[in-house]
Each structure stands twice: as structure tokens, then as C-alpha cells.
Amino acid sequence: MTYDECRTKVVGMRRRGNKSDAVQLPTEAELEILNVLWAAGPSTVRDVHTLSGKQTGYTTVLKQMQVMAEKGLLARSERYRSHVYEARVAKQRTQQRLARRLLERAFDGSAKNLVLGALSAQRVSAAELKEIRKMLVEFEKGSR
């Protein structure tokens, strides 16, 4: 086999993924786009580009959103002249998956260490602490 034949075969290979595989976790840049869509609802690329407030170019945002649609993070509607994108997974579900991944990778599966790390990383308001205590009580009672 010649180098060109080998190179053609390797370049032509694609990763095979099962369509029933779970949606991938978003990268930091993808999460910024998702946050805009969760706040604004279904939006065009131009809307996301404008609302993001970043100095990223329009075509960069467009390409990123196209990749996100391919990954299953976004759904794209072609009903209108400008394609409208929306998040395919709810914000809370994505946050749960990100927290689970962080818990496993950085805190050896310890929820206690994750919470302590989060609370010590930045100042927490009295209102937030009160809400956290209330959630813990509800969680202990099994109402969640």
C-alpha cells in the first residue's frame, strides 16, 4: 500500500456514533451560546451574535452553531428565511450533567467536597445560603 492510499483511507474514516448516544457536553464556547439561547429562546445566528456581547465574528458564531447542531446540542428550524436555532437540552439538565462530570473528575465523586469547593470559591450571599439550607432540608425529606 502506498502512502497516498493509506492517507486516503485514514482521512476518509469517520467516527461511528450510535444515534442513541447521549448528547455531548458543551464546551465553554458552546455553553456561552447555549446561555444566550436559554435566556432569549429560539434565535437566529445574528441574534445570538448580537446578544452574546463577545468580540467574536458573525461567521465564527455561525460555524460554532452549525457544529453544535451536528453534535445534537441545538435544533435548527429552516422554516424561515434565516435559520432559527434553539437549545435541544434544558438548562437545568445541562447543568446537572456538567456538575456530575465535575463531581466525578475533580472531587472523586464526593458531593460534600464539591459543595465545599463551590462555597469557598466565592462569596455566597445570606439569601443564597438560606435557599441552599432549604433545598437540603427538602432533599433530606425526599421531596426532590
N, C-alpha and C. Protein backbone atom coordinates (compact mmCIF):
# COMPACT_ATOMS: atom_id res chain seq x y z
N MET A 1 0.85 -1.17 0.00
CA MET A 1 0.00 0.00 0.00
C MET A 1 0.90 1.24 0.00
N THR A 2 0.58 2.16 -0.83
CA THR A 2 1.39 3.39 -0.91
C THR A 2 0.94 4.38 0.16
N TYR A 3 1.78 5.38 0.37
CA TYR A 3 1.46 6.42 1.34
C TYR A 3 0.14 7.10 1.01
N ASP A 4 -0.07 7.44 -0.27
CA ASP A 4 -1.30 8.13 -0.67
C ASP A 4 -2.54 7.26 -0.42
N GLU A 5 -2.44 5.97 -0.69
CA GLU A 5 -3.58 5.08 -0.44
C GLU A 5 -3.90 5.02 1.05
N CYS A 6 -2.84 4.89 1.85
CA CYS A 6 -3.01 4.82 3.29
C CYS A 6 -3.62 6.12 3.82
N ARG A 7 -3.09 7.25 3.36
CA ARG A 7 -3.58 8.55 3.81
C ARG A 7 -5.04 8.74 3.43
N THR A 8 -5.41 8.32 2.25
CA THR A 8 -6.80 8.45 1.79
C THR A 8 -7.73 7.65 2.69
N LYS A 9 -7.31 6.45 3.05
CA LYS A 9 -8.16 5.62 3.90
C LYS A 9 -8.30 6.21 5.30
N VAL A 10 -7.22 6.71 5.85
CA VAL A 10 -7.27 7.28 7.19
C VAL A 10 -8.09 8.56 7.20
N VAL A 11 -7.86 9.45 6.24
CA VAL A 11 -8.60 10.71 6.18
C VAL A 11 -10.08 10.45 5.92
N GLY A 12 -10.38 9.43 5.13
CA GLY A 12 -11.76 9.14 4.79
C GLY A 12 -12.56 8.48 5.89
N MET A 13 -11.87 8.01 6.94
CA MET A 13 -12.58 7.35 8.04
C MET A 13 -13.35 8.37 8.85
N ARG A 14 -14.48 7.95 9.34
CA ARG A 14 -15.27 8.82 10.20
C ARG A 14 -15.57 8.06 11.48
N ARG A 15 -15.68 8.80 12.55
CA ARG A 15 -16.07 8.15 13.79
C ARG A 15 -17.51 7.71 13.67
N ARG A 16 -17.74 6.49 14.06
CA ARG A 16 -19.11 5.99 14.02
C ARG A 16 -19.74 6.18 15.38
N GLY A 17 -20.84 6.87 15.40
CA GLY A 17 -21.53 7.09 16.67
C GLY A 17 -22.93 6.53 16.59
N ASN A 18 -23.36 5.99 17.68
CA ASN A 18 -24.71 5.46 17.75
C ASN A 18 -25.67 6.64 17.91
N LYS A 19 -26.72 6.66 17.11
CA LYS A 19 -27.65 7.79 17.16
C LYS A 19 -28.35 7.88 18.51
N SER A 20 -28.35 6.77 19.23
CA SER A 20 -28.99 6.81 20.55
C SER A 20 -28.02 7.28 21.63
N ASP A 21 -26.75 7.58 21.24
CA ASP A 21 -25.79 8.10 22.21
C ASP A 21 -26.31 9.38 22.82
N ALA A 22 -25.93 9.63 24.06
CA ALA A 22 -26.34 10.87 24.73
C ALA A 22 -25.68 12.06 24.05
N VAL A 23 -26.34 13.19 24.16
CA VAL A 23 -25.81 14.44 23.62
C VAL A 23 -24.52 14.76 24.36
N GLN A 24 -23.52 15.22 23.63
CA GLN A 24 -22.23 15.56 24.23
C GLN A 24 -22.37 16.75 25.16
N LEU A 25 -21.45 16.83 26.12
CA LEU A 25 -21.41 18.00 26.98
C LEU A 25 -20.86 19.17 26.19
N PRO A 26 -21.38 20.37 26.43
CA PRO A 26 -20.90 21.53 25.67
C PRO A 26 -19.53 22.00 26.16
N THR A 27 -18.76 22.58 25.24
CA THR A 27 -17.50 23.22 25.58
C THR A 27 -17.83 24.57 26.20
N GLU A 28 -16.82 25.29 26.66
CA GLU A 28 -17.05 26.61 27.26
C GLU A 28 -17.66 27.57 26.24
N ALA A 29 -17.16 27.58 25.01
CA ALA A 29 -17.69 28.46 23.97
C ALA A 29 -19.13 28.08 23.62
N GLU A 30 -19.41 26.78 23.57
CA GLU A 30 -20.76 26.32 23.28
C GLU A 30 -21.71 26.69 24.41
N LEU A 31 -21.23 26.63 25.63
CA LEU A 31 -22.05 26.98 26.77
C LEU A 31 -22.46 28.46 26.74
N GLU A 32 -21.57 29.32 26.25
CA GLU A 32 -21.92 30.74 26.11
C GLU A 32 -23.08 30.92 25.13
N ILE A 33 -23.05 30.19 24.03
CA ILE A 33 -24.14 30.26 23.04
C ILE A 33 -25.42 29.70 23.65
N LEU A 34 -25.30 28.58 24.35
CA LEU A 34 -26.49 27.99 24.99
C LEU A 34 -27.10 28.95 26.00
N ASN A 35 -26.28 29.64 26.76
CA ASN A 35 -26.80 30.60 27.74
C ASN A 35 -27.61 31.70 27.06
N VAL A 36 -27.15 32.15 25.90
CA VAL A 36 -27.91 33.16 25.15
C VAL A 36 -29.25 32.57 24.71
N LEU A 37 -29.23 31.36 24.19
CA LEU A 37 -30.47 30.74 23.71
C LEU A 37 -31.43 30.41 24.85
N TRP A 38 -30.91 29.98 25.99
CA TRP A 38 -31.78 29.72 27.13
C TRP A 38 -32.44 30.99 27.62
N ALA A 39 -31.73 32.10 27.58
CA ALA A 39 -32.29 33.38 28.04
C ALA A 39 -33.25 33.99 27.02
N ALA A 40 -32.88 33.91 25.74
CA ALA A 40 -33.65 34.60 24.69
C ALA A 40 -34.68 33.70 24.01
N GLY A 41 -34.50 32.40 24.11
CA GLY A 41 -35.36 31.48 23.37
C GLY A 41 -34.84 31.29 21.95
N PRO A 42 -35.61 30.61 21.09
CA PRO A 42 -35.17 30.36 19.73
C PRO A 42 -34.71 31.65 19.04
N SER A 43 -33.55 31.61 18.41
CA SER A 43 -32.94 32.82 17.86
C SER A 43 -32.16 32.51 16.60
N THR A 44 -31.96 33.54 15.80
CA THR A 44 -31.10 33.42 14.62
C THR A 44 -29.64 33.57 15.05
N VAL A 45 -28.74 33.25 14.14
CA VAL A 45 -27.32 33.43 14.41
C VAL A 45 -27.02 34.90 14.69
N ARG A 46 -27.63 35.78 13.92
CA ARG A 46 -27.41 37.22 14.12
C ARG A 46 -27.85 37.64 15.52
N ASP A 47 -28.99 37.14 15.98
CA ASP A 47 -29.47 37.45 17.33
C ASP A 47 -28.45 37.00 18.38
N VAL A 48 -27.99 35.76 18.25
CA VAL A 48 -27.02 35.21 19.21
C VAL A 48 -25.74 36.02 19.17
N HIS A 49 -25.28 36.35 17.96
CA HIS A 49 -24.05 37.14 17.82
C HIS A 49 -24.19 38.48 18.52
N THR A 50 -25.33 39.13 18.35
CA THR A 50 -25.57 40.44 18.95
C THR A 50 -25.71 40.33 20.47
N LEU A 51 -26.47 39.35 20.94
CA LEU A 51 -26.76 39.22 22.37
C LEU A 51 -25.58 38.69 23.17
N SER A 52 -24.66 38.00 22.52
CA SER A 52 -23.54 37.41 23.26
C SER A 52 -22.61 38.47 23.82
N GLY A 53 -22.51 39.62 23.13
CA GLY A 53 -21.65 40.69 23.62
C GLY A 53 -20.17 40.40 23.46
N LYS A 54 -19.84 39.31 22.84
CA LYS A 54 -18.43 38.95 22.63
C LYS A 54 -17.91 39.62 21.37
N GLN A 55 -16.61 39.70 21.26
CA GLN A 55 -15.98 40.28 20.07
C GLN A 55 -15.75 39.23 18.98
N THR A 56 -16.43 38.11 19.08
CA THR A 56 -16.34 37.05 18.09
C THR A 56 -17.06 37.47 16.82
N GLY A 57 -16.51 37.09 15.68
CA GLY A 57 -17.13 37.44 14.41
C GLY A 57 -18.40 36.65 14.14
N TYR A 58 -19.24 37.20 13.30
CA TYR A 58 -20.50 36.56 12.95
C TYR A 58 -20.28 35.16 12.37
N THR A 59 -19.33 35.03 11.45
CA THR A 59 -19.11 33.73 10.81
C THR A 59 -18.59 32.69 11.80
N THR A 60 -17.87 33.14 12.82
CA THR A 60 -17.40 32.21 13.86
C THR A 60 -18.59 31.68 14.65
N VAL A 61 -19.51 32.56 15.00
CA VAL A 61 -20.71 32.15 15.72
C VAL A 61 -21.55 31.22 14.85
N LEU A 62 -21.68 31.54 13.58
CA LEU A 62 -22.43 30.70 12.64
C LEU A 62 -21.84 29.30 12.60
N LYS A 63 -20.54 29.20 12.40
CA LYS A 63 -19.89 27.89 12.31
C LYS A 63 -20.03 27.13 13.61
N GLN A 64 -19.86 27.81 14.73
CA GLN A 64 -20.00 27.16 16.04
C GLN A 64 -21.40 26.59 16.22
N MET A 65 -22.40 27.36 15.81
CA MET A 65 -23.78 26.89 15.95
C MET A 65 -24.08 25.73 15.00
N GLN A 66 -23.49 25.74 13.82
CA GLN A 66 -23.65 24.62 12.89
C GLN A 66 -23.05 23.34 13.49
N VAL A 67 -21.88 23.47 14.08
CA VAL A 67 -21.23 22.33 14.73
C VAL A 67 -22.08 21.84 15.90
N MET A 68 -22.62 22.77 16.66
CA MET A 68 -23.46 22.40 17.79
C MET A 68 -24.72 21.66 17.34
N ALA A 69 -25.27 22.05 16.21
CA ALA A 69 -26.44 21.35 15.66
C ALA A 69 -26.04 19.93 15.26
N GLU A 70 -24.87 19.77 14.66
CA GLU A 70 -24.38 18.44 14.28
C GLU A 70 -24.16 17.56 15.50
N LYS A 71 -23.71 18.16 16.60
CA LYS A 71 -23.45 17.43 17.83
C LYS A 71 -24.74 17.11 18.59
N GLY A 72 -25.85 17.71 18.20
CA GLY A 72 -27.11 17.47 18.87
C GLY A 72 -27.40 18.44 20.01
N LEU A 73 -26.58 19.47 20.16
CA LEU A 73 -26.81 20.45 21.21
C LEU A 73 -27.90 21.46 20.83
N LEU A 74 -28.03 21.73 19.53
CA LEU A 74 -29.02 22.69 19.03
C LEU A 74 -29.91 22.03 18.00
N ALA A 75 -31.13 22.54 17.92
CA ALA A 75 -32.04 22.17 16.84
C ALA A 75 -32.16 23.37 15.92
N ARG A 76 -32.22 23.12 14.62
CA ARG A 76 -32.29 24.22 13.65
C ARG A 76 -33.58 24.10 12.85
N SER A 77 -34.32 25.18 12.82
CA SER A 77 -35.55 25.24 12.03
C SER A 77 -35.25 26.00 10.74
N GLU A 78 -35.63 25.41 9.63
CA GLU A 78 -35.41 26.04 8.33
C GLU A 78 -36.71 26.59 7.76
N ARG A 79 -37.70 26.79 8.63
CA ARG A 79 -39.00 27.32 8.19
C ARG A 79 -38.92 28.74 7.70
N TYR A 80 -38.01 29.50 8.23
CA TYR A 80 -37.92 30.91 7.91
C TYR A 80 -36.70 31.16 7.03
N ARG A 81 -36.63 32.33 6.47
CA ARG A 81 -35.52 32.69 5.60
C ARG A 81 -34.18 32.54 6.34
N SER A 82 -34.12 33.09 7.55
CA SER A 82 -32.96 32.90 8.41
C SER A 82 -33.23 31.69 9.29
N HIS A 83 -32.27 30.80 9.39
CA HIS A 83 -32.44 29.62 10.23
C HIS A 83 -32.54 30.05 11.68
N VAL A 84 -33.44 29.40 12.38
CA VAL A 84 -33.65 29.69 13.80
C VAL A 84 -33.16 28.48 14.60
N TYR A 85 -32.32 28.77 15.59
CA TYR A 85 -31.74 27.72 16.42
C TYR A 85 -32.33 27.78 17.81
N GLU A 86 -32.41 26.60 18.44
CA GLU A 86 -32.82 26.55 19.84
C GLU A 86 -32.08 25.41 20.52
N ALA A 87 -31.93 25.53 21.83
CA ALA A 87 -31.24 24.50 22.61
C ALA A 87 -32.10 23.24 22.61
N ARG A 88 -31.46 22.10 22.44
CA ARG A 88 -32.19 20.84 22.44
C ARG A 88 -32.32 20.27 23.84
N VAL A 89 -31.47 20.72 24.76
CA VAL A 89 -31.49 20.21 26.12
C VAL A 89 -31.72 21.39 27.07
N ALA A 90 -32.56 21.18 28.05
CA ALA A 90 -32.89 22.23 29.01
C ALA A 90 -31.65 22.64 29.81
N LYS A 91 -31.65 23.88 30.25
CA LYS A 91 -30.52 24.43 31.00
C LYS A 91 -30.25 23.60 32.27
N GLN A 92 -31.32 23.28 33.01
CA GLN A 92 -31.15 22.53 34.26
C GLN A 92 -30.52 21.16 33.99
N ARG A 93 -30.95 20.50 32.93
CA ARG A 93 -30.40 19.17 32.60
C ARG A 93 -28.92 19.28 32.25
N THR A 94 -28.55 20.30 31.48
CA THR A 94 -27.15 20.50 31.11
C THR A 94 -26.32 20.81 32.35
N GLN A 95 -26.84 21.65 33.23
CA GLN A 95 -26.12 21.97 34.46
C GLN A 95 -25.92 20.73 35.32
N GLN A 96 -26.92 19.86 35.39
CA GLN A 96 -26.80 18.62 36.15
C GLN A 96 -25.71 17.72 35.56
N ARG A 97 -25.68 17.61 34.25
CA ARG A 97 -24.67 16.77 33.59
C ARG A 97 -23.27 17.34 33.79
N LEU A 98 -23.14 18.68 33.69
CA LEU A 98 -21.84 19.31 33.91
C LEU A 98 -21.38 19.13 35.36
N ALA A 99 -22.31 19.28 36.30
CA ALA A 99 -21.97 19.11 37.71
C ALA A 99 -21.56 17.67 37.99
N ARG A 100 -22.27 16.71 37.41
CA ARG A 100 -21.93 15.30 37.60
C ARG A 100 -20.53 15.02 37.07
N ARG A 101 -20.24 15.57 35.90
CA ARG A 101 -18.91 15.36 35.30
C ARG A 101 -17.82 15.99 36.17
N LEU A 102 -18.06 17.20 36.66
CA LEU A 102 -17.10 17.87 37.54
C LEU A 102 -16.94 17.09 38.84
N LEU A 103 -18.04 16.62 39.39
CA LEU A 103 -18.03 15.83 40.62
C LEU A 103 -17.15 14.60 40.46
N GLU A 104 -17.31 13.90 39.35
CA GLU A 104 -16.53 12.69 39.09
C GLU A 104 -15.05 13.00 38.85
N ARG A 105 -14.77 14.01 38.05
CA ARG A 105 -13.40 14.30 37.63
C ARG A 105 -12.57 15.02 38.68
N ALA A 106 -13.15 16.00 39.36
CA ALA A 106 -12.36 16.85 40.24
C ALA A 106 -12.55 16.57 41.73
N PHE A 107 -13.64 15.92 42.10
CA PHE A 107 -13.94 15.75 43.52
C PHE A 107 -14.09 14.28 43.91
N ASP A 108 -13.58 13.37 43.09
CA ASP A 108 -13.62 11.93 43.38
C ASP A 108 -15.01 11.44 43.76
N GLY A 109 -16.03 12.04 43.17
CA GLY A 109 -17.40 11.60 43.41
C GLY A 109 -18.00 12.10 44.71
N SER A 110 -17.31 12.96 45.43
CA SER A 110 -17.79 13.46 46.72
C SER A 110 -18.62 14.73 46.54
N ALA A 111 -19.91 14.61 46.77
CA ALA A 111 -20.80 15.77 46.68
C ALA A 111 -20.44 16.79 47.76
N LYS A 112 -20.06 16.30 48.92
CA LYS A 112 -19.67 17.20 50.02
C LYS A 112 -18.49 18.07 49.59
N ASN A 113 -17.47 17.47 49.01
CA ASN A 113 -16.30 18.24 48.58
C ASN A 113 -16.64 19.22 47.45
N LEU A 114 -17.55 18.83 46.58
CA LEU A 114 -18.00 19.72 45.51
C LEU A 114 -18.68 20.96 46.10
N VAL A 115 -19.59 20.74 47.04
CA VAL A 115 -20.31 21.85 47.66
C VAL A 115 -19.35 22.74 48.44
N LEU A 116 -18.46 22.13 49.20
CA LEU A 116 -17.49 22.93 49.97
C LEU A 116 -16.59 23.73 49.03
N GLY A 117 -16.18 23.11 47.94
CA GLY A 117 -15.36 23.82 46.96
C GLY A 117 -16.10 24.99 46.35
N ALA A 118 -17.37 24.78 46.02
CA ALA A 118 -18.17 25.85 45.43
C ALA A 118 -18.40 26.99 46.42
N LEU A 119 -18.68 26.64 47.67
CA LEU A 119 -18.95 27.67 48.68
C LEU A 119 -17.69 28.45 49.05
N SER A 120 -16.54 27.80 48.98
CA SER A 120 -15.30 28.51 49.35
C SER A 120 -14.67 29.24 48.16
N ALA A 121 -15.15 28.98 46.97
CA ALA A 121 -14.57 29.60 45.77
C ALA A 121 -14.96 31.07 45.63
N GLN A 122 -16.13 31.42 46.10
CA GLN A 122 -16.57 32.82 46.02
C GLN A 122 -17.56 33.10 47.14
N ARG A 123 -17.72 34.35 47.42
CA ARG A 123 -18.63 34.78 48.50
C ARG A 123 -20.07 34.41 48.15
N VAL A 124 -20.77 33.90 49.14
CA VAL A 124 -22.16 33.49 48.95
C VAL A 124 -23.03 34.41 49.81
N SER A 125 -24.08 34.92 49.22
CA SER A 125 -24.97 35.84 49.96
C SER A 125 -25.78 35.06 51.00
N ALA A 126 -26.27 35.79 51.98
CA ALA A 126 -27.10 35.20 53.03
C ALA A 126 -28.37 34.59 52.42
N ALA A 127 -28.91 35.26 51.41
CA ALA A 127 -30.12 34.74 50.75
C ALA A 127 -29.84 33.41 50.06
N GLU A 128 -28.68 33.31 49.40
CA GLU A 128 -28.33 32.05 48.74
C GLU A 128 -28.11 30.94 49.75
N LEU A 129 -27.44 31.25 50.87
CA LEU A 129 -27.23 30.24 51.91
C LEU A 129 -28.56 29.76 52.48
N LYS A 130 -29.49 30.67 52.67
CA LYS A 130 -30.81 30.31 53.17
C LYS A 130 -31.52 29.37 52.18
N GLU A 131 -31.42 29.70 50.90
CA GLU A 131 -32.03 28.87 49.87
C GLU A 131 -31.37 27.49 49.81
N ILE A 132 -30.05 27.45 49.96
CA ILE A 132 -29.33 26.16 49.96
C ILE A 132 -29.78 25.31 51.14
N ARG A 133 -29.89 25.93 52.34
CA ARG A 133 -30.35 25.19 53.53
C ARG A 133 -31.75 24.61 53.30
N LYS A 134 -32.62 25.42 52.72
CA LYS A 134 -33.99 24.98 52.45
C LYS A 134 -33.98 23.79 51.48
N MET A 135 -33.16 23.88 50.45
CA MET A 135 -33.08 22.79 49.47
C MET A 135 -32.54 21.51 50.12
N LEU A 136 -31.57 21.64 51.02
CA LEU A 136 -31.02 20.47 51.70
C LEU A 136 -32.07 19.80 52.58
N VAL A 137 -32.86 20.61 53.29
CA VAL A 137 -33.93 20.06 54.13
C VAL A 137 -34.94 19.32 53.26
N GLU A 138 -35.33 19.92 52.15
CA GLU A 138 -36.29 19.27 51.23
C GLU A 138 -35.69 17.99 50.66
N PHE A 139 -34.41 18.03 50.35
CA PHE A 139 -33.74 16.86 49.79
C PHE A 139 -33.73 15.72 50.82
N GLU A 140 -33.44 16.05 52.08
CA GLU A 140 -33.43 15.04 53.14
C GLU A 140 -34.80 14.41 53.33
N LYS A 141 -35.84 15.22 53.18
CA LYS A 141 -37.21 14.71 53.35
C LYS A 141 -37.64 13.84 52.17
N GLY A 142 -36.88 13.89 51.07
CA GLY A 142 -37.22 13.09 49.91
C GLY A 142 -38.24 13.71 48.99
N SER A 143 -38.47 15.02 49.17
CA SER A 143 -39.45 15.70 48.32
C SER A 143 -38.88 16.08 46.97
N ARG A 144 -37.58 15.87 46.75
CA ARG A 144 -36.96 16.21 45.46
C ARG A 144 -36.67 14.99 44.67
